[in-house]
Amino acid sequence: LFSQRPFSDRTASWLQQSGLHPLLARLYA
């Protein structure tokens, strides 16, 4: 079974605004 690891767009956006690279923001979230 293949499934994508879920994440919050809101959290990813906040992490990116905190200075994290956009790709890392998605992965960290």
PDB file of all heavy atoms in Angstrom:
ATOM      1  N   LEU A   1       0.840  -1.187   0.000  1.00  0.00           N
ATOM      2  CA  LEU A   1       0.000   0.000   0.000  1.00  0.00           C
ATOM      3  C   LEU A   1       0.879   1.242   0.000  1.00  0.00           C
ATOM      4  O   LEU A   1       1.856   1.324   0.749  1.00  0.00           O
ATOM      5  CB  LEU A   1      -0.904   0.009   1.237  1.00  0.00           C
ATOM      6  CG  LEU A   1      -1.935  -1.120   1.341  1.00  0.00           C
ATOM      7  CD1 LEU A   1      -2.721  -0.984   2.637  1.00  0.00           C
ATOM      8  CD2 LEU A   1      -2.878  -1.097   0.155  1.00  0.00           C
ATOM      9  N   PHE A   2       0.551   2.195  -0.852  1.00  0.00           N
ATOM     10  CA  PHE A   2       1.293   3.445  -0.944  1.00  0.00           C
ATOM     11  C   PHE A   2       0.394   4.574  -0.470  1.00  0.00           C
ATOM     12  O   PHE A   2      -0.755   4.697  -0.905  1.00  0.00           O
ATOM     13  CB  PHE A   2       1.726   3.711  -2.389  1.00  0.00           C
ATOM     14  CG  PHE A   2       2.829   2.806  -2.873  1.00  0.00           C
ATOM     15  CD1 PHE A   2       2.580   1.474  -3.185  1.00  0.00           C
ATOM     16  CD2 PHE A   2       4.122   3.289  -3.018  1.00  0.00           C
ATOM     17  CE1 PHE A   2       3.591   0.641  -3.620  1.00  0.00           C
ATOM     18  CE2 PHE A   2       5.140   2.462  -3.457  1.00  0.00           C
ATOM     19  CZ  PHE A   2       4.871   1.139  -3.756  1.00  0.00           C
ATOM     20  N   SER A   3       0.898   5.398   0.432  1.00  0.00           N
ATOM     21  CA  SER A   3       0.110   6.537   0.902  1.00  0.00           C
ATOM     22  C   SER A   3       1.028   7.699   1.238  1.00  0.00           C
ATOM     23  O   SER A   3       2.173   7.506   1.666  1.00  0.00           O
ATOM     24  CB  SER A   3      -0.732   6.146   2.126  1.00  0.00           C
ATOM     25  OG  SER A   3       0.095   5.691   3.177  1.00  0.00           O
ATOM     26  N   GLN A   4       0.506   8.892   1.024  1.00  0.00           N
ATOM     27  CA  GLN A   4       1.306  10.092   1.289  1.00  0.00           C
ATOM     28  C   GLN A   4       1.199  10.463   2.765  1.00  0.00           C
ATOM     29  O   GLN A   4       0.127  10.392   3.371  1.00  0.00           O
ATOM     30  CB  GLN A   4       0.843  11.260   0.429  1.00  0.00           C
ATOM     31  CG  GLN A   4       1.674  12.523   0.640  1.00  0.00           C
ATOM     32  CD  GLN A   4       1.346  13.623  -0.358  1.00  0.00           C
ATOM     33  OE1 GLN A   4       0.676  13.378  -1.362  1.00  0.00           O
ATOM     34  NE2 GLN A   4       1.815  14.822  -0.086  1.00  0.00           N
ATOM     35  N   ARG A   5       2.330  10.864   3.310  1.00  0.00           N
ATOM     36  CA  ARG A   5       2.370  11.312   4.701  1.00  0.00           C
ATOM     37  C   ARG A   5       1.600  12.629   4.813  1.00  0.00           C
ATOM     38  O   ARG A   5       1.925  13.598   4.115  1.00  0.00           O
ATOM     39  CB  ARG A   5       3.836  11.504   5.119  1.00  0.00           C
ATOM     40  CG  ARG A   5       4.060  11.754   6.579  1.00  0.00           C
ATOM     41  CD  ARG A   5       5.542  11.791   6.902  1.00  0.00           C
ATOM     42  NE  ARG A   5       6.125  10.455   7.014  1.00  0.00           N
ATOM     43  CZ  ARG A   5       6.951   9.924   6.129  1.00  0.00           C
ATOM     44  NH1 ARG A   5       7.307  10.607   5.061  1.00  0.00           N
ATOM     45  NH2 ARG A   5       7.428   8.710   6.305  1.00  0.00           N
ATOM     46  N   PRO A   6       0.572  12.695   5.645  1.00  0.00           N
ATOM     47  CA  PRO A   6      -0.244  13.919   5.699  1.00  0.00           C
ATOM     48  C   PRO A   6       0.491  15.062   6.391  1.00  0.00           C
ATOM     49  O   PRO A   6       1.379  14.850   7.210  1.00  0.00           O
ATOM     50  CB  PRO A   6      -1.465  13.479   6.508  1.00  0.00           C
ATOM     51  CG  PRO A   6      -0.968  12.369   7.377  1.00  0.00           C
ATOM     52  CD  PRO A   6       0.088  11.653   6.571  1.00  0.00           C
ATOM     53  N   PHE A   7       0.096  16.272   6.039  1.00  0.00           N
ATOM     54  CA  PHE A   7       0.657  17.445   6.712  1.00  0.00           C
ATOM     55  C   PHE A   7      -0.332  18.588   6.616  1.00  0.00           C
ATOM     56  O   PHE A   7      -1.240  18.592   5.772  1.00  0.00           O
ATOM     57  CB  PHE A   7       2.009  17.845   6.106  1.00  0.00           C
ATOM     58  CG  PHE A   7       1.933  18.382   4.709  1.00  0.00           C
ATOM     59  CD1 PHE A   7       1.839  19.740   4.465  1.00  0.00           C
ATOM     60  CD2 PHE A   7       1.940  17.509   3.618  1.00  0.00           C
ATOM     61  CE1 PHE A   7       1.763  20.237   3.172  1.00  0.00           C
ATOM     62  CE2 PHE A   7       1.874  17.989   2.324  1.00  0.00           C
ATOM     63  CZ  PHE A   7       1.777  19.360   2.099  1.00  0.00           C
ATOM     64  N   SER A   8      -0.160  19.555   7.474  1.00  0.00           N
ATOM     65  CA  SER A   8      -1.025  20.734   7.503  1.00  0.00           C
ATOM     66  C   SER A   8      -0.419  21.832   6.627  1.00  0.00           C
ATOM     67  O   SER A   8       0.718  22.247   6.858  1.00  0.00           O
ATOM     68  CB  SER A   8      -1.186  21.224   8.946  1.00  0.00           C
ATOM     69  OG  SER A   8      -1.628  22.557   8.983  1.00  0.00           O
ATOM     70  N   ASP A   9      -1.189  22.287   5.647  1.00  0.00           N
ATOM     71  CA  ASP A   9      -0.722  23.405   4.804  1.00  0.00           C
ATOM     72  C   ASP A   9      -0.452  24.639   5.653  1.00  0.00           C
ATOM     73  O   ASP A   9       0.486  25.395   5.391  1.00  0.00           O
ATOM     74  CB  ASP A   9      -1.763  23.730   3.734  1.00  0.00           C
ATOM     75  CG  ASP A   9      -1.799  22.697   2.617  1.00  0.00           C
ATOM     76  OD1 ASP A   9      -0.723  22.201   2.230  1.00  0.00           O
ATOM     77  OD2 ASP A   9      -2.903  22.371   2.143  1.00  0.00           O
ATOM     78  N   ARG A  10      -1.283  24.815   6.665  1.00  0.00           N
ATOM     79  CA  ARG A  10      -1.119  25.982   7.538  1.00  0.00           C
ATOM     80  C   ARG A  10       0.207  25.921   8.282  1.00  0.00           C
ATOM     81  O   ARG A  10       0.938  26.918   8.376  1.00  0.00           O
ATOM     82  CB  ARG A  10      -2.291  26.046   8.513  1.00  0.00           C
ATOM     83  CG  ARG A  10      -2.253  27.236   9.454  1.00  0.00           C
ATOM     84  CD  ARG A  10      -3.483  27.248  10.348  1.00  0.00           C
ATOM     85  NE  ARG A  10      -3.446  28.363  11.275  1.00  0.00           N
ATOM     86  CZ  ARG A  10      -4.373  28.601  12.195  1.00  0.00           C
ATOM     87  NH1 ARG A  10      -5.425  27.805  12.285  1.00  0.00           N
ATOM     88  NH2 ARG A  10      -4.265  29.639  13.015  1.00  0.00           N
ATOM     89  N   THR A  11       0.524  24.713   8.815  1.00  0.00           N
ATOM     90  CA  THR A  11       1.798  24.554   9.527  1.00  0.00           C
ATOM     91  C   THR A  11       2.972  24.730   8.576  1.00  0.00           C
ATOM     92  O   THR A  11       3.964  25.395   8.910  1.00  0.00           O
ATOM     93  CB  THR A  11       1.872  23.161  10.186  1.00  0.00           C
ATOM     94  OG1 THR A  11       0.791  23.023  11.112  1.00  0.00           O
ATOM     95  CG2 THR A  11       3.187  22.972  10.927  1.00  0.00           C
ATOM     96  N   ALA A  12       2.867  24.152   7.376  1.00  0.00           N
ATOM     97  CA  ALA A  12       3.943  24.284   6.390  1.00  0.00           C
ATOM     98  C   ALA A  12       4.159  25.748   6.022  1.00  0.00           C
ATOM     99  O   ALA A  12       5.298  26.210   5.892  1.00  0.00           O
ATOM    100  CB  ALA A  12       3.631  23.452   5.155  1.00  0.00           C
ATOM    101  N   SER A  13       3.066  26.478   5.872  1.00  0.00           N
ATOM    102  CA  SER A  13       3.170  27.901   5.539  1.00  0.00           C
ATOM    103  C   SER A  13       3.832  28.676   6.668  1.00  0.00           C
ATOM    104  O   SER A  13       4.704  29.526   6.428  1.00  0.00           O
ATOM    105  CB  SER A  13       1.771  28.466   5.264  1.00  0.00           C
ATOM    106  OG  SER A  13       1.824  29.847   5.030  1.00  0.00           O
ATOM    107  N   TRP A  14       3.447  28.347   7.909  1.00  0.00           N
ATOM    108  CA  TRP A  14       4.057  29.028   9.059  1.00  0.00           C
ATOM    109  C   TRP A  14       5.556  28.727   9.132  1.00  0.00           C
ATOM    110  O   TRP A  14       6.367  29.619   9.394  1.00  0.00           O
ATOM    111  CB  TRP A  14       3.353  28.573  10.336  1.00  0.00           C
ATOM    112  CG  TRP A  14       4.059  29.065  11.567  1.00  0.00           C
ATOM    113  CD1 TRP A  14       3.986  30.292  12.134  1.00  0.00           C
ATOM    114  CD2 TRP A  14       5.002  28.314  12.342  1.00  0.00           C
ATOM    115  NE1 TRP A  14       4.815  30.357  13.232  1.00  0.00           N
ATOM    116  CE2 TRP A  14       5.450  29.159  13.379  1.00  0.00           C
ATOM    117  CE3 TRP A  14       5.512  27.021  12.273  1.00  0.00           C
ATOM    118  CZ2 TRP A  14       6.371  28.751  14.331  1.00  0.00           C
ATOM    119  CZ3 TRP A  14       6.413  26.614  13.226  1.00  0.00           C
ATOM    120  CH2 TRP A  14       6.838  27.468  14.236  1.00  0.00           C
ATOM    121  N   LEU A  15       5.932  27.460   8.903  1.00  0.00           N
ATOM    122  CA  LEU A  15       7.351  27.097   8.939  1.00  0.00           C
ATOM    123  C   LEU A  15       8.125  27.829   7.856  1.00  0.00           C
ATOM    124  O   LEU A  15       9.260  28.276   8.082  1.00  0.00           O
ATOM    125  CB  LEU A  15       7.501  25.582   8.764  1.00  0.00           C
ATOM    126  CG  LEU A  15       7.017  24.699   9.924  1.00  0.00           C
ATOM    127  CD1 LEU A  15       7.045  23.229   9.543  1.00  0.00           C
ATOM    128  CD2 LEU A  15       7.866  24.933  11.167  1.00  0.00           C
ATOM    129  N   GLN A  16       7.523  27.967   6.693  1.00  0.00           N
ATOM    130  CA  GLN A  16       8.185  28.683   5.598  1.00  0.00           C
ATOM    131  C   GLN A  16       8.363  30.158   5.969  1.00  0.00           C
ATOM    132  O   GLN A  16       9.422  30.756   5.725  1.00  0.00           O
ATOM    133  CB  GLN A  16       7.362  28.547   4.320  1.00  0.00           C
ATOM    134  CG  GLN A  16       8.066  29.098   3.083  1.00  0.00           C
ATOM    135  CD  GLN A  16       7.281  28.822   1.807  1.00  0.00           C
ATOM    136  OE1 GLN A  16       6.457  27.918   1.766  1.00  0.00           O
ATOM    137  NE2 GLN A  16       7.538  29.604   0.785  1.00  0.00           N
ATOM    138  N   GLN A  17       7.345  30.738   6.591  1.00  0.00           N
ATOM    139  CA  GLN A  17       7.449  32.142   7.011  1.00  0.00           C
ATOM    140  C   GLN A  17       8.497  32.319   8.098  1.00  0.00           C
ATOM    141  O   GLN A  17       9.037  33.419   8.279  1.00  0.00           O
ATOM    142  CB  GLN A  17       6.085  32.627   7.510  1.00  0.00           C
ATOM    143  CG  GLN A  17       5.043  32.774   6.416  1.00  0.00           C
ATOM    144  CD  GLN A  17       3.646  33.021   6.974  1.00  0.00           C
ATOM    145  OE1 GLN A  17       3.481  33.324   8.150  1.00  0.00           O
ATOM    146  NE2 GLN A  17       2.644  32.884   6.115  1.00  0.00           N
ATOM    147  N   SER A  18       8.798  31.237   8.811  1.00  0.00           N
ATOM    148  CA  SER A  18       9.824  31.291   9.859  1.00  0.00           C
ATOM    149  C   SER A  18      11.233  31.201   9.282  1.00  0.00           C
ATOM    150  O   SER A  18      12.211  31.216  10.024  1.00  0.00           O
ATOM    151  CB  SER A  18       9.619  30.147  10.853  1.00  0.00           C
ATOM    152  OG  SER A  18       8.364  30.253  11.490  1.00  0.00           O
ATOM    153  N   GLY A  19      11.326  31.068   7.956  1.00  0.00           N
ATOM    154  CA  GLY A  19      12.628  31.070   7.308  1.00  0.00           C
ATOM    155  C   GLY A  19      13.060  29.733   6.760  1.00  0.00           C
ATOM    156  O   GLY A  19      14.163  29.599   6.221  1.00  0.00           O
ATOM    157  N   LEU A  20      12.205  28.682   6.880  1.00  0.00           N
ATOM    158  CA  LEU A  20      12.570  27.358   6.405  1.00  0.00           C
ATOM    159  C   LEU A  20      12.330  27.263   4.896  1.00  0.00           C
ATOM    160  O   LEU A  20      11.377  27.845   4.370  1.00  0.00           O
ATOM    161  CB  LEU A  20      11.734  26.307   7.143  1.00  0.00           C
ATOM    162  CG  LEU A  20      12.286  24.890   7.243  1.00  0.00           C
ATOM    163  CD1 LEU A  20      13.642  24.870   7.929  1.00  0.00           C
ATOM    164  CD2 LEU A  20      11.303  24.000   8.014  1.00  0.00           C
ATOM    165  N   HIS A  21      13.209  26.544   4.222  1.00  0.00           N
ATOM    166  CA  HIS A  21      13.057  26.319   2.785  1.00  0.00           C
ATOM    167  C   HIS A  21      11.668  25.717   2.524  1.00  0.00           C
ATOM    168  O   HIS A  21      11.197  24.868   3.283  1.00  0.00           O
ATOM    169  CB  HIS A  21      14.151  25.356   2.308  1.00  0.00           C
ATOM    170  CG  HIS A  21      14.190  25.139   0.841  1.00  0.00           C
ATOM    171  ND1 HIS A  21      13.309  24.311   0.190  1.00  0.00           N
ATOM    172  CD2 HIS A  21      15.012  25.654  -0.127  1.00  0.00           C
ATOM    173  CE1 HIS A  21      13.580  24.298  -1.101  1.00  0.00           C
ATOM    174  NE2 HIS A  21      14.603  25.118  -1.319  1.00  0.00           N
ATOM    175  N   PRO A  22      10.982  26.129   1.440  1.00  0.00           N
ATOM    176  CA  PRO A  22       9.613  25.633   1.191  1.00  0.00           C
ATOM    177  C   PRO A  22       9.497  24.112   1.192  1.00  0.00           C
ATOM    178  O   PRO A  22       8.531  23.569   1.744  1.00  0.00           O
ATOM    179  CB  PRO A  22       9.289  26.214  -0.190  1.00  0.00           C
ATOM    180  CG  PRO A  22      10.140  27.439  -0.297  1.00  0.00           C
ATOM    181  CD  PRO A  22      11.395  27.133   0.450  1.00  0.00           C
ATOM    182  N   LEU A  23      10.455  23.407   0.579  1.00  0.00           N
ATOM    183  CA  LEU A  23      10.381  21.940   0.566  1.00  0.00           C
ATOM    184  C   LEU A  23      10.563  21.385   1.976  1.00  0.00           C
ATOM    185  O   LEU A  23       9.823  20.493   2.402  1.00  0.00           O
ATOM    186  CB  LEU A  23      11.444  21.368  -0.372  1.00  0.00           C
ATOM    187  CG  LEU A  23      11.540  19.834  -0.423  1.00  0.00           C
ATOM    188  CD1 LEU A  23      10.206  19.218  -0.851  1.00  0.00           C
ATOM    189  CD2 LEU A  23      12.660  19.389  -1.367  1.00  0.00           C
ATOM    190  N   LEU A  24      11.529  21.939   2.722  1.00  0.00           N
ATOM    191  CA  LEU A  24      11.739  21.471   4.096  1.00  0.00           C
ATOM    192  C   LEU A  24      10.535  21.792   4.971  1.00  0.00           C
ATOM    193  O   LEU A  24      10.191  21.019   5.866  1.00  0.00           O
ATOM    194  CB  LEU A  24      12.994  22.107   4.690  1.00  0.00           C
ATOM    195  CG  LEU A  24      14.338  21.661   4.112  1.00  0.00           C
ATOM    196  CD1 LEU A  24      15.483  22.375   4.825  1.00  0.00           C
ATOM    197  CD2 LEU A  24      14.509  20.145   4.227  1.00  0.00           C
ATOM    198  N   ALA A  25       9.878  22.919   4.707  1.00  0.00           N
ATOM    199  CA  ALA A  25       8.691  23.287   5.491  1.00  0.00           C
ATOM    200  C   ALA A  25       7.614  22.218   5.341  1.00  0.00           C
ATOM    201  O   ALA A  25       6.985  21.805   6.322  1.00  0.00           O
ATOM    202  CB  ALA A  25       8.169  24.643   5.047  1.00  0.00           C
ATOM    203  N   ARG A  26       7.403  21.738   4.115  1.00  0.00           N
ATOM    204  CA  ARG A  26       6.414  20.676   3.882  1.00  0.00           C
ATOM    205  C   ARG A  26       6.837  19.386   4.580  1.00  0.00           C
ATOM    206  O   ARG A  26       6.022  18.711   5.212  1.00  0.00           O
ATOM    207  CB  ARG A  26       6.265  20.466   2.366  1.00  0.00           C
ATOM    208  CG  ARG A  26       5.471  19.219   1.993  1.00  0.00           C
ATOM    209  CD  ARG A  26       4.964  19.287   0.565  1.00  0.00           C
ATOM    210  NE  ARG A  26       5.969  19.169  -0.448  1.00  0.00           N
ATOM    211  CZ  ARG A  26       6.269  18.031  -1.080  1.00  0.00           C
ATOM    212  NH1 ARG A  26       5.652  16.915  -0.748  1.00  0.00           N
ATOM    213  NH2 ARG A  26       7.182  18.007  -2.030  1.00  0.00           N
ATOM    214  N   LEU A  27       8.120  19.023   4.456  1.00  0.00           N
ATOM    215  CA  LEU A  27       8.610  17.776   5.050  1.00  0.00           C
ATOM    216  C   LEU A  27       8.566  17.826   6.575  1.00  0.00           C
ATOM    217  O   LEU A  27       8.201  16.848   7.225  1.00  0.00           O
ATOM    218  CB  LEU A  27      10.035  17.508   4.561  1.00  0.00           C
ATOM    219  CG  LEU A  27      10.200  17.285   3.050  1.00  0.00           C
ATOM    220  CD1 LEU A  27      11.676  17.203   2.683  1.00  0.00           C
ATOM    221  CD2 LEU A  27       9.469  16.030   2.605  1.00  0.00           C
ATOM    222  N   TYR A  28       8.949  18.968   7.139  1.00  0.00           N
ATOM    223  CA  TYR A  28       8.936  19.109   8.595  1.00  0.00           C
ATOM    224  C   TYR A  28       7.506  19.063   9.132  1.00  0.00           C
ATOM    225  O   TYR A  28       7.239  18.435  10.169  1.00  0.00           O
ATOM    226  CB  TYR A  28       9.598  20.417   9.005  1.00  0.00           C
ATOM    227  CG  TYR A  28      11.092  20.339   9.222  1.00  0.00           C
ATOM    228  CD1 TYR A  28      11.888  19.613   8.355  1.00  0.00           C
ATOM    229  CD2 TYR A  28      11.705  20.982  10.288  1.00  0.00           C
ATOM    230  CE1 TYR A  28      13.256  19.527   8.546  1.00  0.00           C
ATOM    231  CE2 TYR A  28      13.070  20.904  10.498  1.00  0.00           C
ATOM    232  CZ  TYR A  28      13.838  20.175   9.619  1.00  0.00           C
ATOM    233  OH  TYR A  28      15.193  20.079   9.814  1.00  0.00           O
ATOM    234  N   ALA A  29       6.585  19.721   8.439  1.00  0.00           N
ATOM    235  CA  ALA A  29       5.188  19.715   8.882  1.00  0.00           C
ATOM    236  C   ALA A  29       4.642  18.290   8.880  1.00  0.00           C
ATOM    237  O   ALA A  29       3.882  17.900   9.783  1.00  0.00           O
ATOM    238  CB  ALA A  29       4.346  20.608   7.974  1.00  0.00           C
TER     239      ALA A  29
END
